[in-house]
Amino acid sequence: MTVTVPGPRLLETQDAATYSEWFASLAEPTRVRLLHAVATAGRSMTVGELTELLGISQSTCSHHVRKLADVGFLLLHKEGTATRVTVNPNCCTGLPHAADVVMGVLEARPCCPTDVPADVLVRQLEPGDWAAVRRIYGEGIATGDATFETEVPSRKSLDAKWLPDHRWIAEVDGSVAGWAAATPVSARDCYAGVAETSVYVGTDSRGRGVGKALLRQQVMAADEAGLWTLQTSIFPENRASLALHHSAGFRTLGVRERIAQHHGVWRDTVFLERRTTN
């Protein structure tokens, strides 16, 4: 079967022009500081107040206020002889929305990887696989960029936390080459369809599509079982894992800065999420 991958969808010309105008208006540090000052003030401010706060001349302040008002970021109204400035509440959602559109965050996400190698067999984890699973876990720990764990968890602890129907083994030539598993994020009923995922590939099997095959099975099984959200945290340095998860419809929600220490060093993680396609 031939899979046709659609090409990129171009942003409409009018939308591109509008967003360009918005972003251009912020291409000046003083203007960004001014908008931030008004947005965080919690009240209207006069041009005189902004002039004093920013330490600039009144003519310069009035110029920047007018530029921001022209694109709709600020609203102006007269109160006697003073001009009072407030932030346009619509821009608080409109500007982030524009950034999301331009960066493709709102585009339809792929279901899962399609170019999976034919020689990788993915099946359910069996009792005899635990030794290989823990060995591969250890190989991941050894990279320094796979997990905050510094020691391989026991079989008992892994068995207790992993969802029984979402434990997958990848085989190549009859040998265990990798594994994937999902863990509930909460015991509360309202989060019953939310799970945290892990994918590990053995040292000798990396770069041949094992992770792709595992993740494909993982997300397809999750969709079928009614898990509506899969989430994972990945070190920014692990670029291969980030790319792999993006290929399966995960999107980056943000970077959790200095979230925990790893061997005494504060590390960041990229937080990703995939919503069901159903």
C-alpha atoms as a PDB file:
ATOM      1  CA  MET A   1       0.000   0.000   0.000  1.00  0.00           C
ATOM      2  CA  THR A   2       1.331   3.449  -0.887  1.00  0.00           C
ATOM      3  CA  VAL A   3       0.922   6.138   1.753  1.00  0.00           C
ATOM      4  CA  THR A   4       0.585   9.651   0.367  1.00  0.00           C
ATOM      5  CA  VAL A   5       1.944  12.303   2.688  1.00  0.00           C
ATOM      6  CA  PRO A   6       0.333  15.705   2.074  1.00  0.00           C
ATOM      7  CA  GLY A   7       2.651  18.640   1.499  1.00  0.00           C
ATOM      8  CA  PRO A   8       2.825  21.639   3.792  1.00  0.00           C
ATOM      9  CA  ARG A   9      -0.194  23.937   3.798  1.00  0.00           C
ATOM     10  CA  LEU A  10       0.767  27.549   3.130  1.00  0.00           C
ATOM     11  CA  LEU A  11      -0.502  30.291   5.410  1.00  0.00           C
ATOM     12  CA  GLU A  12      -3.092  32.514   3.705  1.00  0.00           C
ATOM     13  CA  THR A  13      -1.547  35.705   2.289  1.00  0.00           C
ATOM     14  CA  GLN A  14      -3.876  38.010   4.237  1.00  0.00           C
ATOM     15  CA  ASP A  15      -3.197  36.205   7.521  1.00  0.00           C
ATOM     16  CA  ALA A  16       0.548  36.336   6.868  1.00  0.00           C
ATOM     17  CA  ALA A  17       0.322  40.084   6.239  1.00  0.00           C
ATOM     18  CA  THR A  18      -1.656  40.657   9.440  1.00  0.00           C
ATOM     19  CA  TYR A  19       0.677  38.603  11.604  1.00  0.00           C
ATOM     20  CA  SER A  20       3.715  40.246  10.013  1.00  0.00           C
ATOM     21  CA  GLU A  21       2.318  43.641  10.977  1.00  0.00           C
ATOM     22  CA  TRP A  22       1.746  42.467  14.549  1.00  0.00           C
ATOM     23  CA  PHE A  23       5.222  41.017  14.933  1.00  0.00           C
ATOM     24  CA  ALA A  24       6.847  44.041  13.260  1.00  0.00           C
ATOM     25  CA  SER A  25       5.225  46.336  15.797  1.00  0.00           C
ATOM     26  CA  LEU A  26       7.058  44.426  18.533  1.00  0.00           C
ATOM     27  CA  ALA A  27      10.436  44.597  16.798  1.00  0.00           C
ATOM     28  CA  GLU A  28      11.580  47.308  19.217  1.00  0.00           C
ATOM     29  CA  PRO A  29      12.609  46.580  22.833  1.00  0.00           C
ATOM     30  CA  THR A  30      11.098  49.746  24.311  1.00  0.00           C
ATOM     31  CA  ARG A  31       7.777  48.940  22.667  1.00  0.00           C
ATOM     32  CA  VAL A  32       7.822  45.431  24.110  1.00  0.00           C
ATOM     33  CA  ARG A  33       8.567  46.818  27.586  1.00  0.00           C
ATOM     34  CA  LEU A  34       5.774  49.360  27.210  1.00  0.00           C
ATOM     35  CA  LEU A  35       3.216  46.736  26.196  1.00  0.00           C
ATOM     36  CA  HIS A  36       4.317  44.510  29.076  1.00  0.00           C
ATOM     37  CA  ALA A  37       3.981  47.400  31.532  1.00  0.00           C
ATOM     38  CA  VAL A  38       0.418  48.155  30.456  1.00  0.00           C
ATOM     39  CA  ALA A  39      -0.579  44.475  30.282  1.00  0.00           C
ATOM     40  CA  THR A  40       0.630  43.769  33.828  1.00  0.00           C
ATOM     41  CA  ALA A  41      -0.566  47.022  35.445  1.00  0.00           C
ATOM     42  CA  GLY A  42      -4.088  45.754  36.053  1.00  0.00           C
ATOM     43  CA  ARG A  43      -5.459  49.229  35.321  1.00  0.00           C
ATOM     44  CA  SER A  44      -5.297  51.990  32.719  1.00  0.00           C
ATOM     45  CA  MET A  45      -2.159  54.128  32.695  1.00  0.00           C
ATOM     46  CA  THR A  46      -1.460  57.611  31.423  1.00  0.00           C
ATOM     47  CA  VAL A  47       1.243  58.379  28.895  1.00  0.00           C
ATOM     48  CA  GLY A  48       2.876  60.453  31.618  1.00  0.00           C
ATOM     49  CA  GLU A  49       3.040  57.447  33.957  1.00  0.00           C
ATOM     50  CA  LEU A  50       4.519  55.284  31.234  1.00  0.00           C
ATOM     51  CA  THR A  51       7.069  57.955  30.360  1.00  0.00           C
ATOM     52  CA  GLU A  52       8.304  58.058  33.944  1.00  0.00           C
ATOM     53  CA  LEU A  53       8.209  54.297  34.389  1.00  0.00           C
ATOM     54  CA  LEU A  54      10.217  53.562  31.235  1.00  0.00           C
ATOM     55  CA  GLY A  55      12.599  56.479  31.644  1.00  0.00           C
ATOM     56  CA  ILE A  56      12.016  57.858  28.137  1.00  0.00           C
ATOM     57  CA  SER A  57      10.833  61.175  26.738  1.00  0.00           C
ATOM     58  CA  GLN A  58       7.104  61.842  26.444  1.00  0.00           C
ATOM     59  CA  SER A  59       7.364  62.217  22.672  1.00  0.00           C
ATOM     60  CA  THR A  60       9.089  58.833  22.382  1.00  0.00           C
ATOM     61  CA  CYS A  61       6.513  57.221  24.660  1.00  0.00           C
ATOM     62  CA  SER A  62       3.619  58.729  22.691  1.00  0.00           C
ATOM     63  CA  HIS A  63       5.168  57.455  19.444  1.00  0.00           C
ATOM     64  CA  HIS A  64       5.407  53.885  20.727  1.00  0.00           C
ATOM     65  CA  VAL A  65       1.928  54.000  22.264  1.00  0.00           C
ATOM     66  CA  ARG A  66       0.504  55.089  18.917  1.00  0.00           C
ATOM     67  CA  LYS A  67       2.320  52.290  17.054  1.00  0.00           C
ATOM     68  CA  LEU A  68       0.912  49.694  19.447  1.00  0.00           C
ATOM     69  CA  ALA A  69      -2.550  51.194  19.233  1.00  0.00           C
ATOM     70  CA  ASP A  70      -2.446  51.195  15.427  1.00  0.00           C
ATOM     71  CA  VAL A  71      -2.178  47.380  15.354  1.00  0.00           C
ATOM     72  CA  GLY A  72      -4.750  46.973  18.127  1.00  0.00           C
ATOM     73  CA  PHE A  73      -2.529  45.912  21.028  1.00  0.00           C
ATOM     74  CA  LEU A  74      -3.434  49.013  23.055  1.00  0.00           C
ATOM     75  CA  LEU A  75      -6.686  50.946  23.491  1.00  0.00           C
ATOM     76  CA  LEU A  76      -6.630  54.708  24.062  1.00  0.00           C
ATOM     77  CA  HIS A  77      -9.208  57.018  25.585  1.00  0.00           C
ATOM     78  CA  LYS A  78      -9.185  60.617  26.701  1.00  0.00           C
ATOM     79  CA  GLU A  79      -9.807  61.562  30.303  1.00  0.00           C
ATOM     80  CA  GLY A  80      -9.689  65.325  30.483  1.00  0.00           C
ATOM     81  CA  THR A  81      -6.378  66.366  28.993  1.00  0.00           C
ATOM     82  CA  ALA A  82      -4.718  63.004  29.695  1.00  0.00           C
ATOM     83  CA  THR A  83      -4.619  60.017  27.379  1.00  0.00           C
ATOM     84  CA  ARG A  84      -5.206  56.779  29.268  1.00  0.00           C
ATOM     85  CA  VAL A  85      -3.851  53.531  27.899  1.00  0.00           C
ATOM     86  CA  THR A  86      -5.181  49.998  28.438  1.00  0.00           C
ATOM     87  CA  VAL A  87      -4.272  46.688  26.891  1.00  0.00           C
ATOM     88  CA  ASN A  88      -6.677  45.266  24.333  1.00  0.00           C
ATOM     89  CA  PRO A  89      -7.896  42.044  25.978  1.00  0.00           C
ATOM     90  CA  ASN A  90      -8.289  40.436  22.552  1.00  0.00           C
ATOM     91  CA  CYS A  91      -4.550  40.617  21.947  1.00  0.00           C
ATOM     92  CA  CYS A  92      -3.912  38.495  25.048  1.00  0.00           C
ATOM     93  CA  THR A  93      -5.310  35.539  23.098  1.00  0.00           C
ATOM     94  CA  GLY A  94      -4.811  36.803  19.548  1.00  0.00           C
ATOM     95  CA  LEU A  95      -1.035  37.220  19.748  1.00  0.00           C
ATOM     96  CA  PRO A  96      -0.327  33.728  21.176  1.00  0.00           C
ATOM     97  CA  HIS A  97      -2.790  32.295  18.634  1.00  0.00           C
ATOM     98  CA  ALA A  98      -0.889  33.990  15.811  1.00  0.00           C
ATOM     99  CA  ALA A  99       2.394  32.523  17.060  1.00  0.00           C
ATOM    100  CA  ASP A 100       0.809  29.057  17.256  1.00  0.00           C
ATOM    101  CA  VAL A 101      -0.530  29.350  13.701  1.00  0.00           C
ATOM    102  CA  VAL A 102       2.820  30.474  12.288  1.00  0.00           C
ATOM    103  CA  MET A 103       4.733  27.731  14.126  1.00  0.00           C
ATOM    104  CA  GLY A 104       2.275  25.035  13.019  1.00  0.00           C
ATOM    105  CA  VAL A 105       1.107  24.142  16.520  1.00  0.00           C
ATOM    106  CA  LEU A 106      -2.525  24.191  15.415  1.00  0.00           C
ATOM    107  CA  GLU A 107      -1.976  22.032  12.349  1.00  0.00           C
ATOM    108  CA  ALA A 108      -3.395  18.505  12.254  1.00  0.00           C
ATOM    109  CA  ARG A 109      -0.872  16.138  13.810  1.00  0.00           C
ATOM    110  CA  PRO A 110       0.198  12.836  12.239  1.00  0.00           C
ATOM    111  CA  CYS A 111      -1.372   9.658  13.629  1.00  0.00           C
ATOM    112  CA  CYS A 112       1.798   7.658  13.957  1.00  0.00           C
ATOM    113  CA  PRO A 113       4.976   6.759  12.030  1.00  0.00           C
ATOM    114  CA  THR A 114       4.259   4.924   8.781  1.00  0.00           C
ATOM    115  CA  ASP A 115       7.734   3.907   7.593  1.00  0.00           C
ATOM    116  CA  VAL A 116       8.213   1.107  10.112  1.00  0.00           C
ATOM    117  CA  PRO A 117      10.873  -1.506   9.224  1.00  0.00           C
ATOM    118  CA  ALA A 118       9.472  -4.892   8.280  1.00  0.00           C
ATOM    119  CA  ASP A 119      12.046  -6.837  10.314  1.00  0.00           C
ATOM    120  CA  VAL A 120      10.911  -5.404  13.663  1.00  0.00           C
ATOM    121  CA  LEU A 121       8.215  -7.452  15.420  1.00  0.00           C
ATOM    122  CA  VAL A 122       6.244  -5.703  18.177  1.00  0.00           C
ATOM    123  CA  ARG A 123       4.314  -7.832  20.646  1.00  0.00           C
ATOM    124  CA  GLN A 124       3.027  -7.802  24.220  1.00  0.00           C
ATOM    125  CA  LEU A 125       5.560  -8.116  27.028  1.00  0.00           C
ATOM    126  CA  GLU A 126       5.815 -11.657  28.408  1.00  0.00           C
ATOM    127  CA  PRO A 127       7.189 -12.854  31.789  1.00  0.00           C
ATOM    128  CA  GLY A 128      10.395 -14.083  30.163  1.00  0.00           C
ATOM    129  CA  ASP A 129      11.185 -10.595  28.800  1.00  0.00           C
ATOM    130  CA  TRP A 130      11.873  -8.863  32.116  1.00  0.00           C
ATOM    131  CA  ALA A 131      15.612  -9.490  32.183  1.00  0.00           C
ATOM    132  CA  ALA A 132      15.996  -7.953  28.709  1.00  0.00           C
ATOM    133  CA  VAL A 133      13.714  -5.060  29.630  1.00  0.00           C
ATOM    134  CA  ARG A 134      15.812  -4.191  32.668  1.00  0.00           C
ATOM    135  CA  ARG A 135      19.046  -4.582  30.686  1.00  0.00           C
ATOM    136  CA  ILE A 136      17.813  -2.142  28.027  1.00  0.00           C
ATOM    137  CA  TYR A 137      16.608   0.209  30.766  1.00  0.00           C
ATOM    138  CA  GLY A 138      20.156   0.186  32.132  1.00  0.00           C
ATOM    139  CA  GLU A 139      21.571   0.958  28.685  1.00  0.00           C
ATOM    140  CA  GLY A 140      19.250   3.952  28.508  1.00  0.00           C
ATOM    141  CA  ILE A 141      20.390   5.178  31.919  1.00  0.00           C
ATOM    142  CA  ALA A 142      24.002   4.885  30.752  1.00  0.00           C
ATOM    143  CA  THR A 143      23.437   7.458  27.985  1.00  0.00           C
ATOM    144  CA  GLY A 144      22.774  10.146  30.576  1.00  0.00           C
ATOM    145  CA  ASP A 145      19.952  11.606  28.483  1.00  0.00           C
ATOM    146  CA  ALA A 146      17.139   9.076  28.811  1.00  0.00           C
ATOM    147  CA  THR A 147      15.854   9.398  32.375  1.00  0.00           C
ATOM    148  CA  PHE A 148      16.409  10.913  35.800  1.00  0.00           C
ATOM    149  CA  GLU A 149      16.765   7.374  37.140  1.00  0.00           C
ATOM    150  CA  THR A 150      20.303   6.454  38.136  1.00  0.00           C
ATOM    151  CA  GLU A 151      19.573   2.788  38.885  1.00  0.00           C
ATOM    152  CA  VAL A 152      17.388   0.281  37.070  1.00  0.00           C
ATOM    153  CA  PRO A 153      14.028  -0.080  38.843  1.00  0.00           C
ATOM    154  CA  SER A 154      13.093  -3.530  40.065  1.00  0.00           C
ATOM    155  CA  ARG A 155      10.806  -5.784  38.084  1.00  0.00           C
ATOM    156  CA  LYS A 156       8.296  -5.560  40.934  1.00  0.00           C
ATOM    157  CA  SER A 157       8.129  -1.762  40.831  1.00  0.00           C
ATOM    158  CA  LEU A 158       7.801  -1.645  37.041  1.00  0.00           C
ATOM    159  CA  ASP A 159       5.168  -4.381  37.031  1.00  0.00           C
ATOM    160  CA  ALA A 160       3.182  -2.505  39.680  1.00  0.00           C
ATOM    161  CA  LYS A 161       3.050   0.826  37.842  1.00  0.00           C
ATOM    162  CA  TRP A 162       2.802  -0.068  34.138  1.00  0.00           C
ATOM    163  CA  LEU A 163      -0.647  -0.486  32.578  1.00  0.00           C
ATOM    164  CA  PRO A 164      -1.046  -4.239  31.897  1.00  0.00           C
ATOM    165  CA  ASP A 165      -2.341  -3.832  28.339  1.00  0.00           C
ATOM    166  CA  HIS A 166       0.231  -1.222  27.286  1.00  0.00           C
ATOM    167  CA  ARG A 167       3.566  -3.014  27.627  1.00  0.00           C
ATOM    168  CA  TRP A 168       5.270  -3.667  24.317  1.00  0.00           C
ATOM    169  CA  ILE A 169       8.363  -5.552  23.245  1.00  0.00           C
ATOM    170  CA  ALA A 170      10.220  -5.071  19.953  1.00  0.00           C
ATOM    171  CA  GLU A 171      12.053  -8.111  18.571  1.00  0.00           C
ATOM    172  CA  VAL A 172      14.704  -8.210  15.862  1.00  0.00           C
ATOM    173  CA  ASP A 173      15.859 -11.648  14.720  1.00  0.00           C
ATOM    174  CA  GLY A 174      14.220 -13.206  17.775  1.00  0.00           C
ATOM    175  CA  SER A 175      16.008 -10.989  20.304  1.00  0.00           C
ATOM    176  CA  VAL A 176      14.488  -8.234  22.431  1.00  0.00           C
ATOM    177  CA  ALA A 177      15.621  -4.917  20.920  1.00  0.00           C
ATOM    178  CA  GLY A 178      13.481  -2.439  22.852  1.00  0.00           C
ATOM    179  CA  TRP A 179      10.376  -1.872  24.908  1.00  0.00           C
ATOM    180  CA  ALA A 180       7.612   0.666  25.475  1.00  0.00           C
ATOM    181  CA  ALA A 181       5.222   1.086  28.389  1.00  0.00           C
ATOM    182  CA  ALA A 182       2.547   3.428  29.703  1.00  0.00           C
ATOM    183  CA  THR A 183       1.952   4.497  33.297  1.00  0.00           C
ATOM    184  CA  PRO A 184      -1.217   6.134  34.683  1.00  0.00           C
ATOM    185  CA  VAL A 185      -0.604   9.740  35.721  1.00  0.00           C
ATOM    186  CA  SER A 186      -3.183   9.625  38.516  1.00  0.00           C
ATOM    187  CA  ALA A 187      -5.473   7.276  40.429  1.00  0.00           C
ATOM    188  CA  ARG A 188      -8.368   9.734  40.071  1.00  0.00           C
ATOM    189  CA  ASP A 189     -11.176   8.583  37.782  1.00  0.00           C
ATOM    190  CA  CYS A 190     -11.190  11.840  35.816  1.00  0.00           C
ATOM    191  CA  TYR A 191      -7.635  11.096  34.612  1.00  0.00           C
ATOM    192  CA  ALA A 192      -8.298   7.461  33.713  1.00  0.00           C
ATOM    193  CA  GLY A 193      -7.474   8.124  30.063  1.00  0.00           C
ATOM    194  CA  VAL A 194      -4.196   9.947  30.656  1.00  0.00           C
ATOM    195  CA  ALA A 195      -0.906   8.032  30.690  1.00  0.00           C
ATOM    196  CA  GLU A 196       2.805   8.785  30.715  1.00  0.00           C
ATOM    197  CA  THR A 197       4.799   6.864  28.132  1.00  0.00           C
ATOM    198  CA  SER A 198       8.325   5.485  27.919  1.00  0.00           C
ATOM    199  CA  VAL A 199      10.229   4.059  24.948  1.00  0.00           C
ATOM    200  CA  TYR A 200      13.675   2.462  25.269  1.00  0.00           C
ATOM    201  CA  VAL A 201      15.835   0.910  22.565  1.00  0.00           C
ATOM    202  CA  GLY A 202      18.851  -1.310  23.206  1.00  0.00           C
ATOM    203  CA  THR A 203      22.329  -0.012  22.402  1.00  0.00           C
ATOM    204  CA  ASP A 204      22.885  -2.409  19.490  1.00  0.00           C
ATOM    205  CA  SER A 205      19.482  -1.711  17.915  1.00  0.00           C
ATOM    206  CA  ARG A 206      19.420   2.067  17.749  1.00  0.00           C
ATOM    207  CA  GLY A 207      19.003   3.842  14.440  1.00  0.00           C
ATOM    208  CA  ARG A 208      17.129   1.042  12.671  1.00  0.00           C
ATOM    209  CA  GLY A 209      13.512   1.992  13.401  1.00  0.00           C
ATOM    210  CA  VAL A 210      12.891  -0.009  16.572  1.00  0.00           C
ATOM    211  CA  GLY A 211      11.684   3.052  18.486  1.00  0.00           C
ATOM    212  CA  LYS A 212       9.444   3.994  15.579  1.00  0.00           C
ATOM    213  CA  ALA A 213       7.822   0.567  15.534  1.00  0.00           C
ATOM    214  CA  LEU A 214       7.297   0.613  19.303  1.00  0.00           C
ATOM    215  CA  LEU A 215       5.806   4.091  19.351  1.00  0.00           C
ATOM    216  CA  ARG A 216       3.494   3.275  16.461  1.00  0.00           C
ATOM    217  CA  GLN A 217       2.108   0.286  18.352  1.00  0.00           C
ATOM    218  CA  GLN A 218       1.891   2.281  21.562  1.00  0.00           C
ATOM    219  CA  VAL A 219      -0.177   5.147  20.159  1.00  0.00           C
ATOM    220  CA  MET A 220      -2.432   2.916  18.056  1.00  0.00           C
ATOM    221  CA  ALA A 221      -3.193   0.700  21.063  1.00  0.00           C
ATOM    222  CA  ALA A 222      -3.809   3.762  23.224  1.00  0.00           C
ATOM    223  CA  ASP A 223      -6.284   5.186  20.711  1.00  0.00           C
ATOM    224  CA  GLU A 224      -8.101   1.870  20.476  1.00  0.00           C
ATOM    225  CA  ALA A 225      -8.269   1.490  24.259  1.00  0.00           C
ATOM    226  CA  GLY A 226      -9.671   4.970  24.829  1.00  0.00           C
ATOM    227  CA  LEU A 227      -6.614   6.625  26.331  1.00  0.00           C
ATOM    228  CA  TRP A 228      -7.248  10.196  25.271  1.00  0.00           C
ATOM    229  CA  THR A 229      -3.930  11.729  26.287  1.00  0.00           C
ATOM    230  CA  LEU A 230      -0.385  10.398  26.225  1.00  0.00           C
ATOM    231  CA  GLN A 231       2.335  12.546  27.735  1.00  0.00           C
ATOM    232  CA  THR A 232       6.072  12.291  28.183  1.00  0.00           C
ATOM    233  CA  SER A 233       9.049  14.343  29.341  1.00  0.00           C
ATOM    234  CA  ILE A 234      12.297  14.262  27.356  1.00  0.00           C
ATOM    235  CA  PHE A 235      15.668  15.883  27.959  1.00  0.00           C
ATOM    236  CA  PRO A 236      16.257  18.642  25.338  1.00  0.00           C
ATOM    237  CA  GLU A 237      19.560  16.979  24.480  1.00  0.00           C
ATOM    238  CA  ASN A 238      17.742  13.819  23.346  1.00  0.00           C
ATOM    239  CA  ARG A 239      16.918  15.188  19.917  1.00  0.00           C
ATOM    240  CA  ALA A 240      16.291  11.763  18.377  1.00  0.00           C
ATOM    241  CA  SER A 241      13.549  11.016  20.904  1.00  0.00           C
ATOM    242  CA  LEU A 242      11.965  14.431  20.420  1.00  0.00           C
ATOM    243  CA  ALA A 243      11.844  13.923  16.645  1.00  0.00           C
ATOM    244  CA  LEU A 244      10.449  10.418  17.080  1.00  0.00           C
ATOM    245  CA  HIS A 245       7.601  11.619  19.292  1.00  0.00           C
ATOM    246  CA  HIS A 246       6.770  14.509  16.983  1.00  0.00           C
ATOM    247  CA  SER A 247       6.418  11.973  14.154  1.00  0.00           C
ATOM    248  CA  ALA A 248       3.748  10.206  16.211  1.00  0.00           C
ATOM    249  CA  GLY A 249       1.591  13.273  16.777  1.00  0.00           C
ATOM    250  CA  PHE A 250       3.085  14.474  20.050  1.00  0.00           C
ATOM    251  CA  ARG A 251       3.344  18.252  20.361  1.00  0.00           C
ATOM    252  CA  THR A 252       5.669  20.229  22.578  1.00  0.00           C
ATOM    253  CA  LEU A 253       3.753  22.016  25.318  1.00  0.00           C
ATOM    254  CA  GLY A 254       6.746  23.674  26.908  1.00  0.00           C
ATOM    255  CA  VAL A 255      10.099  23.367  28.629  1.00  0.00           C
ATOM    256  CA  ARG A 256      10.160  22.664  32.352  1.00  0.00           C
ATOM    257  CA  GLU A 257      13.280  24.499  33.426  1.00  0.00           C
ATOM    258  CA  ARG A 258      15.460  23.057  36.191  1.00  0.00           C
ATOM    259  CA  ILE A 259      12.718  20.549  37.010  1.00  0.00           C
ATOM    260  CA  ALA A 260      15.019  18.139  38.876  1.00  0.00           C
ATOM    261  CA  GLN A 261      18.659  17.321  39.547  1.00  0.00           C
ATOM    262  CA  HIS A 262      20.498  14.569  37.695  1.00  0.00           C
ATOM    263  CA  HIS A 263      23.840  13.564  39.198  1.00  0.00           C
ATOM    264  CA  GLY A 264      23.843  16.864  41.070  1.00  0.00           C
ATOM    265  CA  VAL A 265      23.111  18.989  37.992  1.00  0.00           C
ATOM    266  CA  TRP A 266      19.811  20.785  37.372  1.00  0.00           C
ATOM    267  CA  ARG A 267      18.225  19.556  34.134  1.00  0.00           C
ATOM    268  CA  ASP A 268      15.412  20.823  31.921  1.00  0.00           C
ATOM    269  CA  THR A 269      12.837  18.602  30.268  1.00  0.00           C
ATOM    270  CA  VAL A 270      10.624  19.134  27.233  1.00  0.00           C
ATOM    271  CA  PHE A 271       7.016  18.265  28.049  1.00  0.00           C
ATOM    272  CA  LEU A 272       5.091  16.685  25.159  1.00  0.00           C
ATOM    273  CA  GLU A 273       1.508  15.556  24.759  1.00  0.00           C
ATOM    274  CA  ARG A 274      -0.470  13.554  22.240  1.00  0.00           C
ATOM    275  CA  ARG A 275      -4.261  13.663  22.089  1.00  0.00           C
ATOM    276  CA  THR A 276      -6.267  10.799  20.671  1.00  0.00           C
ATOM    277  CA  THR A 277      -7.189  10.954  16.992  1.00  0.00           C
ATOM    278  CA  ASN A 278     -10.602   9.421  17.718  1.00  0.00           C
END
